[in-house]
Amino acid sequence: MQEENQDCECSEKREKSQPTVLSKILNKVFVSENEKELRMTLCRACEHFNETFVQCGICGCFLEAKTRLKNFHCALDQIGQEPKW
């Protein structure tokens, strides 16, 4: 068994790494987990929420997917109401 080298630079704090190309793309496509949960909470409270399929009764979207996407919004505007998110 080798002794640990106390002078090794491994134990020093590393600089925060730069975001990867993939993480930059994902951040442009998806909202944060907190935002997704907020959207789902609003959807679950809506009268058009289909609990069986976790689906919007207006647009038919599956909300576990739709609430994760940045460029999507609540479908209430399709029936003349103010979108909740």
Protein backbone atom coordinates (compact mmCIF):
# COMPACT_ATOMS: atom_id res chain seq x y z
CA MET A 1 0.00 0.00 0.00
CA GLN A 2 1.39 3.39 -0.98
CA GLU A 3 1.58 6.28 1.41
CA GLU A 4 -0.39 9.34 0.49
CA ASN A 5 1.74 12.21 -0.68
CA GLN A 6 1.04 15.15 1.62
CA ASP A 7 2.53 17.55 -0.91
CA CYS A 8 0.17 16.44 -3.65
CA GLU A 9 -1.77 19.25 -5.28
CA CYS A 10 -4.83 16.98 -5.47
CA SER A 11 -5.99 18.08 -2.05
CA GLU A 12 -5.99 21.76 -3.01
CA LYS A 13 -9.25 23.31 -4.04
CA ARG A 14 -9.76 23.15 -7.77
CA GLU A 15 -10.97 26.15 -9.69
CA LYS A 16 -14.60 25.97 -10.68
CA SER A 17 -14.70 24.34 -14.08
CA GLN A 18 -16.25 26.02 -17.07
CA PRO A 19 -19.68 24.81 -18.20
CA THR A 20 -19.56 22.14 -20.85
CA VAL A 21 -21.14 22.56 -24.25
CA LEU A 22 -23.81 20.05 -23.26
CA SER A 23 -24.70 21.92 -20.06
CA LYS A 24 -24.98 25.18 -22.01
CA ILE A 25 -27.39 23.54 -24.45
CA LEU A 26 -29.44 21.93 -21.67
CA ASN A 27 -29.71 25.28 -19.85
CA LYS A 28 -31.15 26.85 -22.99
CA VAL A 29 -33.74 24.10 -23.44
CA PHE A 30 -34.79 23.15 -19.90
CA VAL A 31 -35.90 25.14 -16.85
CA SER A 32 -34.50 24.49 -13.38
CA GLU A 33 -35.98 21.74 -11.23
CA ASN A 34 -37.51 24.41 -8.94
CA GLU A 35 -39.21 26.13 -11.89
CA LYS A 36 -40.50 22.79 -13.17
CA GLU A 37 -41.97 21.97 -9.75
CA LEU A 38 -43.61 25.41 -9.54
CA ARG A 39 -45.20 24.88 -12.97
CA MET A 40 -46.41 21.40 -12.02
CA THR A 41 -47.94 22.77 -8.80
CA LEU A 42 -49.88 25.34 -10.82
CA CYS A 43 -51.00 22.70 -13.32
CA ARG A 44 -52.15 20.27 -10.61
CA ALA A 45 -54.37 23.02 -9.15
CA CYS A 46 -55.96 23.77 -12.54
CA GLU A 47 -59.46 22.53 -13.39
CA HIS A 48 -58.17 21.30 -16.77
CA PHE A 49 -55.53 19.01 -15.24
CA ASN A 50 -56.00 15.32 -16.08
CA GLU A 51 -54.58 13.51 -13.06
CA THR A 52 -54.76 10.05 -14.65
CA PHE A 53 -52.38 10.92 -17.49
CA VAL A 54 -50.73 14.02 -15.93
CA GLN A 55 -51.94 15.81 -19.02
CA CYS A 56 -53.38 19.21 -19.89
CA GLY A 57 -57.04 19.01 -20.83
CA ILE A 58 -56.73 22.04 -23.13
CA CYS A 59 -53.68 21.30 -25.28
CA GLY A 60 -53.26 17.58 -24.55
CA CYS A 61 -49.58 17.95 -23.60
CA PHE A 62 -48.03 15.59 -21.10
CA LEU A 63 -47.10 17.97 -18.33
CA GLU A 64 -44.08 16.12 -16.92
CA ALA A 65 -42.42 16.97 -20.25
CA LYS A 66 -44.01 20.34 -21.05
CA THR A 67 -43.26 21.93 -17.66
CA ARG A 68 -39.53 21.17 -18.13
CA LEU A 69 -39.19 23.10 -21.40
CA LYS A 70 -38.24 26.79 -21.43
CA ASN A 71 -40.09 27.84 -24.57
CA PHE A 72 -43.45 26.40 -23.56
CA HIS A 73 -46.18 28.00 -21.46
CA CYS A 74 -49.54 27.27 -19.88
CA ALA A 75 -52.27 26.64 -22.47
CA LEU A 76 -54.98 28.74 -20.80
CA ASP A 77 -54.39 31.44 -23.42
CA GLN A 78 -55.87 29.05 -26.00
CA ILE A 79 -59.25 29.46 -24.32
CA GLY A 80 -58.93 33.21 -23.72
CA GLN A 81 -57.61 33.08 -20.15
CA GLU A 82 -54.35 34.34 -18.67
CA PRO A 83 -51.67 31.60 -18.64
CA LYS A 84 -50.56 30.66 -15.12
CA TRP A 85 -46.94 30.22 -16.22
